Protein backbone atom coordinates (compact mmCIF):
# COMPACT_ATOMS: atom_id res chain seq x y z
CA MET A 1 105.71 104.73 96.58
CA VAL A 2 108.46 102.26 97.61
CA ASN A 3 106.48 101.44 100.75
CA TYR A 4 103.40 100.82 98.62
CA LEU A 5 105.49 98.46 96.45
CA ASN A 6 106.55 96.74 99.68
CA THR A 7 102.90 96.10 100.61
CA LEU A 8 102.15 94.82 97.11
CA GLN A 9 105.17 92.48 97.26
CA ILE A 10 103.94 90.94 100.53
CA ASP A 11 100.52 90.32 98.97
CA TYR A 12 102.12 88.94 95.79
CA TYR A 13 104.37 86.56 97.74
CA SER A 14 101.45 85.35 99.85
CA ALA A 15 99.51 84.50 96.68
CA ASN A 16 102.37 83.17 94.51
CA ASN A 17 105.04 81.93 96.97
CA LYS A 18 107.63 84.15 95.27
CA PHE A 19 108.43 87.84 94.88
CA ALA A 20 107.45 89.74 91.74
CA THR A 21 110.35 90.63 89.47
CA ALA A 22 108.64 93.56 87.76
CA ILE A 23 106.46 96.45 88.91
CA ALA A 24 103.90 95.52 86.24
CA ASP A 25 103.44 92.14 87.98
CA LEU A 26 102.36 93.99 91.12
CA ASP A 27 100.10 96.57 89.52
CA GLY A 28 99.95 97.18 85.79
CA GLU A 29 98.93 100.79 86.42
CA LEU A 30 102.05 101.79 88.37
CA PRO A 31 104.78 103.61 86.46
CA GLN A 32 108.41 102.54 86.64
CA GLU A 33 109.34 106.22 86.48
CA THR A 34 107.77 109.49 87.44
CA GLU A 35 109.01 113.02 86.90
CA ASN A 36 110.97 112.82 90.15
CA TYR A 37 111.77 109.12 90.76
CA ARG A 38 112.86 105.90 89.05
CA TYR A 39 111.64 102.67 90.71
CA GLN A 40 113.33 99.29 90.55
CA ILE A 41 112.91 95.77 91.93
CA ASP A 42 115.90 93.47 92.56
CA ILE A 43 115.36 89.93 93.82
CA GLY A 44 117.92 88.65 96.33
CA ASP A 45 120.23 85.72 95.60
CA ASN A 46 118.16 83.19 97.52
CA ASP A 47 114.71 84.41 96.36
CA ARG A 48 113.86 85.09 100.02
CA SER A 49 114.41 88.83 99.76
CA VAL A 50 113.69 91.73 97.47
CA LEU A 51 115.20 95.21 97.26
CA LEU A 52 112.88 98.03 96.19
CA THR A 53 114.47 101.35 95.26
CA GLY A 54 113.13 104.79 94.56
CA THR A 55 116.01 106.76 93.06
CA ALA A 56 115.65 110.52 92.82
CA LYS A 57 115.94 112.04 89.36
CA GLN A 58 116.27 115.55 90.80
CA ALA A 59 119.37 116.66 92.72
CA ASN A 60 117.34 118.16 95.59
CA PHE A 61 115.37 114.96 96.46
CA LYS A 62 116.31 112.10 98.76
CA SER A 63 116.41 108.48 97.54
CA TYR A 64 114.93 105.39 99.20
CA THR A 65 115.59 101.67 99.53
CA VAL A 66 113.31 99.06 101.07
CA LEU A 67 114.64 95.63 101.97
CA LEU A 68 111.83 93.08 102.33
CA PHE A 69 112.70 89.53 103.34
CA ILE A 70 111.30 86.37 104.84
CA ASP A 71 112.57 86.38 108.41
CA ASN A 72 111.20 82.99 109.43
CA PHE A 73 108.29 80.61 108.93
CA ASP A 74 105.51 80.37 111.51
CA THR A 75 104.74 76.64 111.52
CA GLU A 76 101.72 77.05 113.82
CA ARG A 77 100.00 79.47 111.46
CA GLY A 78 101.54 78.02 108.30
CA GLU A 79 102.71 81.36 106.96
CA HIS A 80 105.87 83.34 106.38
CA ALA A 81 106.92 86.14 108.71
CA PHE A 82 108.10 89.12 106.69
CA ASN A 83 110.49 91.78 107.90
CA PHE A 84 111.40 95.01 106.14
CA SER A 85 113.21 98.26 106.57
CA THR A 86 113.00 101.51 104.66
CA CYS A 87 116.24 103.47 104.40
CA VAL A 88 116.42 107.05 103.13
CA THR A 89 119.52 109.02 102.20
CA GLU A 90 120.51 111.49 104.91
CA GLN A 91 121.04 114.19 102.28
CA PRO A 92 119.44 114.71 98.86
CA SER A 93 120.94 112.14 96.50
CA MET A 94 120.42 110.75 93.03
CA THR A 95 121.75 107.39 94.26
CA ALA A 96 119.55 105.07 96.32
CA PRO A 97 120.98 103.62 99.55
CA GLY A 98 122.69 100.26 99.18
CA ARG A 99 121.39 97.00 100.59
CA PRO A 100 120.70 97.20 104.35
CA LEU A 101 122.55 94.76 106.60
CA VAL A 102 120.46 92.02 108.25
CA ILE A 103 121.67 90.82 111.64
CA PRO A 104 119.87 87.57 112.55
CA ARG A 105 118.74 87.02 116.13
CA GLU A 106 119.76 83.99 118.18
CA ASN A 107 116.15 82.77 118.30
CA PRO A 108 114.42 84.05 115.13
CA THR A 109 111.10 82.43 116.06
CA LEU A 110 110.81 84.77 119.06
CA GLU A 111 112.10 88.06 117.69
CA PRO A 112 112.75 89.52 114.24
CA SER A 113 116.19 90.16 112.80
CA GLU A 114 117.78 93.57 113.28
CA ILE A 115 118.29 95.67 110.15
CA GLN A 116 120.92 98.40 109.76
CA CYS A 117 120.77 101.00 107.00
CA PRO A 118 124.01 101.55 105.07
CA GLU A 119 126.30 104.50 105.76
CA GLY A 120 124.89 107.77 104.45
CA SER A 121 121.30 106.66 105.02
CA GLU A 122 118.96 106.31 107.96
CA TYR A 123 115.93 104.28 108.93
CA LEU A 124 112.67 105.91 107.88
CA TYR A 125 110.25 105.68 110.80
CA GLY A 126 106.49 105.59 110.48
CA PHE A 127 106.17 103.06 107.66
């Protein structure tokens, strides 16, 4: 579900020029908690990033963190270029991974920033 929240955040930002601060702002039908997970949105300090977490409520489940941020602005197309990474705990954990590290590129208009998942977590491919 955190990757679905990521997609909704991109759509929300495109329409409102800011990230949503609550799950209800993205979709009033989505729960903040399920039997197995608790979901949370945290806006970054500069309002150019958002952290989405899916924290396991069961000891045998992994937890997830998505960092979504504005990597640059495409002046030709007049739109923001978003970048994101989904990190998952390497082992089952009831604590979501911390904030991934963003390593800017020398020429951000040509290539996106690199993102590193925090220790104890790994990049989730396929999303």
